[in-house]
Each structure stands twice: as C-alpha cells, then as structure tokens.
Amino acid sequence: MRLLQLFVILATTFSAHSQGVIRGKINDGQTGESLIGANAFIEGTTKGAMADLDGNFSLEGLAPGTYNIVGRFIGYRSHTQEVVIT
C-alpha cells in the first residue's frame, strides 16, 4: 500500500470569534504528487474537507483545542497528525 503525507500548513485562531482554521496539503508520500480529492477530517467527528486540485484542504470554525487530523485516499495508508489550536 502506498504512503500518504499530510502536512498541516497553518493552524490559527481568530480571537474575536474564538474560531480556528486548520489548513494543509495531502501528497503522495513517495512522489510528492498532490492527491486531488483526498479527504482530511477530524478524528471522531463528521467534520472534514476534500483536497482541491493542488491537494490543499481547509477545516474552519474550530474551537481552540487539540485535534487529530486524518488524511485518507483510496489505495493509500491513512495518516494522522495532531494539531493544536491555541
């Protein structure tokens, strides 16, 4: 099974509304090729996003806290990364 890479680029909080955003990119772990349509979601929830043509995704409206972000794509091993929004 091929490897999937999940890079979290940015995890920020907008203090006025206390809502955070997690942005990242999902790539093939060996070639670095973007995985169009791959899924990124918060473990244990139904909140998620699909990667765009460049492999980028965005999860918005998050409260401060620690989240496990899971990246999945058919034919690849899933990858989980812990992200903290302060």
Protein backbone atom coordinates (compact mmCIF):
# COMPACT_ATOMS: atom_id res chain seq x y z
CA MET A 1 0.00 0.00 0.00
CA ARG A 2 1.30 3.47 -0.88
CA LEU A 3 2.13 6.13 1.68
CA LEU A 4 0.16 9.32 2.13
CA GLN A 5 1.64 12.53 3.55
CA LEU A 6 -0.43 15.06 5.45
CA PHE A 7 1.15 18.46 6.01
CA VAL A 8 -0.59 20.93 8.25
CA ILE A 9 0.48 24.31 7.00
CA LEU A 10 -1.42 26.62 9.28
CA ALA A 11 -3.45 26.34 12.46
CA THR A 12 -4.76 29.70 13.62
CA THR A 13 -7.47 31.11 15.84
CA PHE A 14 -9.45 34.26 15.24
CA SER A 15 -9.77 35.64 18.76
CA ALA A 16 -12.79 37.83 18.05
CA HIS A 17 -14.97 34.80 17.39
CA SER A 18 -12.81 32.14 19.06
CA GLN A 19 -12.87 30.06 15.89
CA GLY A 20 -9.83 28.42 14.38
CA VAL A 21 -8.78 27.23 10.94
CA ILE A 22 -6.58 24.28 10.02
CA ARG A 23 -5.13 24.34 6.51
CA GLY A 24 -2.92 21.70 4.99
CA LYS A 25 -1.88 19.69 1.96
CA ILE A 26 -2.17 15.98 1.14
CA ASN A 27 0.52 14.42 -1.08
CA ASP A 28 1.79 11.05 -2.23
CA GLY A 29 4.48 10.08 0.30
CA GLN A 30 6.93 8.87 -2.35
CA THR A 31 6.46 11.14 -5.35
CA GLY A 32 5.18 14.29 -3.64
CA GLU A 33 2.32 14.43 -6.16
CA SER A 34 -0.83 16.18 -4.92
CA LEU A 35 -3.73 13.83 -4.19
CA ILE A 36 -6.76 15.52 -5.75
CA GLY A 37 -9.96 14.66 -3.87
CA ALA A 38 -8.24 13.12 -0.84
CA ASN A 39 -10.12 13.53 2.43
CA ALA A 40 -8.97 15.28 5.60
CA PHE A 41 -11.18 15.06 8.67
CA ILE A 42 -11.13 15.46 12.43
CA GLU A 43 -10.92 12.05 14.07
CA GLY A 44 -14.08 11.08 15.93
CA THR A 45 -16.26 13.65 14.14
CA THR A 46 -18.03 14.12 10.83
CA LYS A 47 -16.22 17.42 10.15
CA GLY A 48 -13.94 17.16 7.15
CA ALA A 49 -12.86 18.55 3.81
CA MET A 50 -11.83 17.32 0.38
CA ALA A 51 -8.49 18.30 -1.13
CA ASP A 52 -8.58 20.61 -4.15
CA LEU A 53 -6.62 20.33 -7.42
CA ASP A 54 -3.38 21.18 -5.58
CA GLY A 55 -4.03 18.81 -2.64
CA ASN A 56 -4.95 21.69 -0.30
CA PHE A 57 -7.71 21.46 2.30
CA SER A 58 -9.20 23.76 4.94
CA LEU A 59 -11.12 22.94 8.13
CA GLU A 60 -12.81 26.03 9.54
CA GLY A 61 -14.92 27.08 12.52
CA LEU A 62 -12.90 25.15 15.12
CA ALA A 63 -12.72 25.97 18.81
CA PRO A 64 -9.27 26.16 20.46
CA GLY A 65 -8.02 22.70 21.41
CA THR A 66 -6.13 19.64 20.22
CA TYR A 67 -7.32 17.80 17.13
CA ASN A 68 -6.21 14.62 15.36
CA ILE A 69 -6.42 15.29 11.62
CA VAL A 70 -6.70 12.16 9.46
CA GLY A 71 -5.81 12.11 5.76
CA ARG A 72 -7.30 9.35 3.58
CA PHE A 73 -7.24 8.43 -0.08
CA ILE A 74 -8.22 5.22 -1.87
CA GLY A 75 -5.23 2.91 -2.32
CA TYR A 76 -3.14 4.70 0.34
CA ARG A 77 -2.46 4.07 4.01
CA SER A 78 -4.18 6.76 6.11
CA HIS A 79 -2.07 9.22 8.09
CA THR A 80 -2.94 11.03 11.32
CA GLN A 81 -1.37 14.23 12.65
CA GLU A 82 -2.06 16.03 15.91
CA VAL A 83 -2.74 19.76 15.62
CA VAL A 84 -3.17 22.31 18.45
CA ILE A 85 -5.20 25.48 18.03
CA THR A 86 -4.46 27.92 20.84
